[in-house]
Amino acid sequence: MQLIATIMVVLVAIEHLLITWLEMFNADSDLAAKSFNMPREALKDPVVQTLFKNQGLYNGFLAVGLLYSLFVMPAVAWVGATLFFLACILVAAVYGSVTASRSIIVVQGLPALIAFILVYLV
């Protein structure tokens, strides 16, 4: 069970690293326009770029936190730290689904919830 939980947490971390990449380094791309359901011209606005880079940084911190909790923290502490970072992602997904797009709860929240349950059961 621990292996499956670890794999799921790594997948959530990879998802958030990809979000980081998209928001920080590719925010004005066609992929970003499609992903965020926004016109590409709006994504080129410097204010929007700054906001996306900020969001991307937070997603990166969540991903690194998950990976740190899995591979760097002492074995006795990994479960609690991993659950904390997954809970942060879940809260962000709920908030994002209410304020930005309902699909966030499925795209980001569901994988984090599955990972949370699997880690909790370890």
C-alpha atoms as a PDB file:
ATOM      1  CA  MET A   1       0.000   0.000   0.000  1.00  0.00           C
ATOM      2  CA  GLN A   2       2.858   2.400   0.770  1.00  0.00           C
ATOM      3  CA  LEU A   3       4.253   1.995  -2.748  1.00  0.00           C
ATOM      4  CA  ILE A   4       0.888   2.822  -4.334  1.00  0.00           C
ATOM      5  CA  ALA A   5       0.490   5.834  -2.040  1.00  0.00           C
ATOM      6  CA  THR A   6       3.988   7.042  -2.894  1.00  0.00           C
ATOM      7  CA  ILE A   7       3.364   6.683  -6.628  1.00  0.00           C
ATOM      8  CA  MET A   8       0.127   8.651  -6.341  1.00  0.00           C
ATOM      9  CA  VAL A   9       1.817  11.432  -4.357  1.00  0.00           C
ATOM     10  CA  VAL A  10       4.604  11.613  -6.946  1.00  0.00           C
ATOM     11  CA  LEU A  11       1.971  11.908  -9.694  1.00  0.00           C
ATOM     12  CA  VAL A  12       0.309  14.785  -7.828  1.00  0.00           C
ATOM     13  CA  ALA A  13       3.713  16.456  -7.422  1.00  0.00           C
ATOM     14  CA  ILE A  14       4.439  16.030 -11.148  1.00  0.00           C
ATOM     15  CA  GLU A  15       1.049  17.545 -11.980  1.00  0.00           C
ATOM     16  CA  HIS A  16       1.884  20.584  -9.877  1.00  0.00           C
ATOM     17  CA  LEU A  17       5.349  20.886 -11.398  1.00  0.00           C
ATOM     18  CA  LEU A  18       3.675  20.918 -14.827  1.00  0.00           C
ATOM     19  CA  ILE A  19       1.252  23.597 -13.611  1.00  0.00           C
ATOM     20  CA  THR A  20       4.257  25.562 -12.335  1.00  0.00           C
ATOM     21  CA  TRP A  21       5.942  25.291 -15.713  1.00  0.00           C
ATOM     22  CA  LEU A  22       2.782  26.362 -17.534  1.00  0.00           C
ATOM     23  CA  GLU A  23       2.030  29.313 -15.262  1.00  0.00           C
ATOM     24  CA  MET A  24       5.578  30.613 -14.801  1.00  0.00           C
ATOM     25  CA  PHE A  25       7.227  29.980 -18.156  1.00  0.00           C
ATOM     26  CA  ASN A  26       4.441  29.411 -20.701  1.00  0.00           C
ATOM     27  CA  ALA A  27       1.571  31.540 -19.456  1.00  0.00           C
ATOM     28  CA  ASP A  28       0.989  33.184 -22.837  1.00  0.00           C
ATOM     29  CA  SER A  29       1.000  29.974 -24.897  1.00  0.00           C
ATOM     30  CA  ASP A  30      -1.839  28.310 -26.776  1.00  0.00           C
ATOM     31  CA  LEU A  31      -1.770  25.522 -24.182  1.00  0.00           C
ATOM     32  CA  ALA A  32      -2.246  28.045 -21.370  1.00  0.00           C
ATOM     33  CA  ALA A  33      -5.068  29.776 -23.247  1.00  0.00           C
ATOM     34  CA  LYS A  34      -6.824  26.447 -23.664  1.00  0.00           C
ATOM     35  CA  SER A  35      -6.072  25.256 -20.108  1.00  0.00           C
ATOM     36  CA  PHE A  36      -7.247  28.472 -18.462  1.00  0.00           C
ATOM     37  CA  ASN A  37     -10.043  29.139 -20.948  1.00  0.00           C
ATOM     38  CA  MET A  38      -8.732  32.636 -21.646  1.00  0.00           C
ATOM     39  CA  PRO A  39      -7.902  34.501 -24.853  1.00  0.00           C
ATOM     40  CA  ARG A  40      -4.199  34.372 -25.616  1.00  0.00           C
ATOM     41  CA  GLU A  41      -4.069  38.158 -25.915  1.00  0.00           C
ATOM     42  CA  ALA A  42      -5.284  38.507 -22.317  1.00  0.00           C
ATOM     43  CA  LEU A  43      -2.532  36.158 -21.194  1.00  0.00           C
ATOM     44  CA  LYS A  44       0.099  38.471 -22.715  1.00  0.00           C
ATOM     45  CA  ASP A  45      -0.887  41.327 -20.386  1.00  0.00           C
ATOM     46  CA  PRO A  46       2.031  42.018 -17.984  1.00  0.00           C
ATOM     47  CA  VAL A  47      -0.313  42.123 -14.978  1.00  0.00           C
ATOM     48  CA  VAL A  48      -1.785  38.731 -15.899  1.00  0.00           C
ATOM     49  CA  GLN A  49       1.729  37.386 -16.450  1.00  0.00           C
ATOM     50  CA  THR A  50       2.724  38.496 -12.946  1.00  0.00           C
ATOM     51  CA  LEU A  51      -0.362  36.896 -11.421  1.00  0.00           C
ATOM     52  CA  PHE A  52       0.265  33.620 -13.239  1.00  0.00           C
ATOM     53  CA  LYS A  53       3.923  33.558 -12.211  1.00  0.00           C
ATOM     54  CA  ASN A  54       2.854  34.052  -8.595  1.00  0.00           C
ATOM     55  CA  GLN A  55       0.358  31.194  -8.828  1.00  0.00           C
ATOM     56  CA  GLY A  56       2.970  29.038 -10.493  1.00  0.00           C
ATOM     57  CA  LEU A  57       5.416  29.662  -7.701  1.00  0.00           C
ATOM     58  CA  TYR A  58       2.880  28.484  -5.118  1.00  0.00           C
ATOM     59  CA  ASN A  59       2.172  25.347  -7.130  1.00  0.00           C
ATOM     60  CA  GLY A  60       5.902  24.719  -7.299  1.00  0.00           C
ATOM     61  CA  PHE A  61       6.206  25.032  -3.532  1.00  0.00           C
ATOM     62  CA  LEU A  62       3.428  22.467  -3.086  1.00  0.00           C
ATOM     63  CA  ALA A  63       5.120  20.040  -5.487  1.00  0.00           C
ATOM     64  CA  VAL A  64       8.525  20.439  -3.848  1.00  0.00           C
ATOM     65  CA  GLY A  65       6.936  20.071  -0.419  1.00  0.00           C
ATOM     66  CA  LEU A  66       5.380  16.775  -1.443  1.00  0.00           C
ATOM     67  CA  LEU A  67       8.640  15.461  -2.866  1.00  0.00           C
ATOM     68  CA  TYR A  68      10.566  16.675   0.181  1.00  0.00           C
ATOM     69  CA  SER A  69       8.127  14.934   2.510  1.00  0.00           C
ATOM     70  CA  LEU A  70       8.513  11.678   0.593  1.00  0.00           C
ATOM     71  CA  PHE A  71      12.223  11.558  -0.077  1.00  0.00           C
ATOM     72  CA  VAL A  72      14.021  13.808   2.422  1.00  0.00           C
ATOM     73  CA  MET A  73      12.071  13.828   5.676  1.00  0.00           C
ATOM     74  CA  PRO A  74      12.705  11.139   8.274  1.00  0.00           C
ATOM     75  CA  ALA A  75      10.485   8.091   7.879  1.00  0.00           C
ATOM     76  CA  VAL A  76       8.682   8.874  11.116  1.00  0.00           C
ATOM     77  CA  ALA A  77       7.462  12.247   9.792  1.00  0.00           C
ATOM     78  CA  TRP A  78       6.686  11.655   6.120  1.00  0.00           C
ATOM     79  CA  VAL A  79       3.020  10.767   6.546  1.00  0.00           C
ATOM     80  CA  GLY A  80       2.095  13.889   8.493  1.00  0.00           C
ATOM     81  CA  ALA A  81       4.018  16.217   6.189  1.00  0.00           C
ATOM     82  CA  THR A  82       2.632  14.579   3.049  1.00  0.00           C
ATOM     83  CA  LEU A  83      -0.923  14.817   4.379  1.00  0.00           C
ATOM     84  CA  PHE A  84      -0.328  18.498   5.160  1.00  0.00           C
ATOM     85  CA  PHE A  85       0.769  19.330   1.605  1.00  0.00           C
ATOM     86  CA  LEU A  86      -2.039  17.257   0.091  1.00  0.00           C
ATOM     87  CA  ALA A  87      -4.534  19.044   2.352  1.00  0.00           C
ATOM     88  CA  CYS A  88      -3.161  22.385   1.130  1.00  0.00           C
ATOM     89  CA  ILE A  89      -3.760  21.254  -2.451  1.00  0.00           C
ATOM     90  CA  LEU A  90      -7.275  20.131  -1.568  1.00  0.00           C
ATOM     91  CA  VAL A  91      -8.110  23.492   0.024  1.00  0.00           C
ATOM     92  CA  ALA A  92      -6.678  25.317  -2.993  1.00  0.00           C
ATOM     93  CA  ALA A  93      -8.687  23.081  -5.347  1.00  0.00           C
ATOM     94  CA  VAL A  94     -11.935  23.745  -3.488  1.00  0.00           C
ATOM     95  CA  TYR A  95     -11.252  27.478  -3.445  1.00  0.00           C
ATOM     96  CA  GLY A  96     -10.265  27.477  -7.117  1.00  0.00           C
ATOM     97  CA  SER A  97     -13.358  25.524  -8.085  1.00  0.00           C
ATOM     98  CA  VAL A  98     -15.569  28.057  -6.318  1.00  0.00           C
ATOM     99  CA  THR A  99     -13.794  31.189  -7.543  1.00  0.00           C
ATOM    100  CA  ALA A 100     -12.268  30.315 -10.925  1.00  0.00           C
ATOM    101  CA  SER A 101     -13.382  27.077 -12.606  1.00  0.00           C
ATOM    102  CA  ARG A 102     -15.338  24.090 -11.375  1.00  0.00           C
ATOM    103  CA  SER A 103     -13.035  21.751 -13.283  1.00  0.00           C
ATOM    104  CA  ILE A 104     -10.201  22.506 -10.823  1.00  0.00           C
ATOM    105  CA  ILE A 105     -11.852  20.278  -8.225  1.00  0.00           C
ATOM    106  CA  VAL A 106     -11.561  17.333 -10.611  1.00  0.00           C
ATOM    107  CA  VAL A 107      -8.229  18.110 -12.280  1.00  0.00           C
ATOM    108  CA  GLN A 108      -6.303  19.041  -9.123  1.00  0.00           C
ATOM    109  CA  GLY A 109      -8.537  18.073  -6.226  1.00  0.00           C
ATOM    110  CA  LEU A 110      -9.406  14.496  -7.160  1.00  0.00           C
ATOM    111  CA  PRO A 111      -5.821  13.241  -7.578  1.00  0.00           C
ATOM    112  CA  ALA A 112      -4.854  14.964  -4.306  1.00  0.00           C
ATOM    113  CA  LEU A 113      -7.843  13.414  -2.531  1.00  0.00           C
ATOM    114  CA  ILE A 114      -6.972   9.937  -3.785  1.00  0.00           C
ATOM    115  CA  ALA A 115      -3.358  10.433  -2.697  1.00  0.00           C
ATOM    116  CA  PHE A 116      -4.510  11.772   0.684  1.00  0.00           C
ATOM    117  CA  ILE A 117      -6.684   8.709   1.320  1.00  0.00           C
ATOM    118  CA  LEU A 118      -3.924   6.315   0.253  1.00  0.00           C
ATOM    119  CA  VAL A 119      -1.320   8.001   2.458  1.00  0.00           C
ATOM    120  CA  TYR A 120      -3.750   8.134   5.367  1.00  0.00           C
ATOM    121  CA  LEU A 121      -4.329   4.384   5.067  1.00  0.00           C
ATOM    122  CA  VAL A 122      -0.584   3.611   5.191  1.00  0.00           C
END
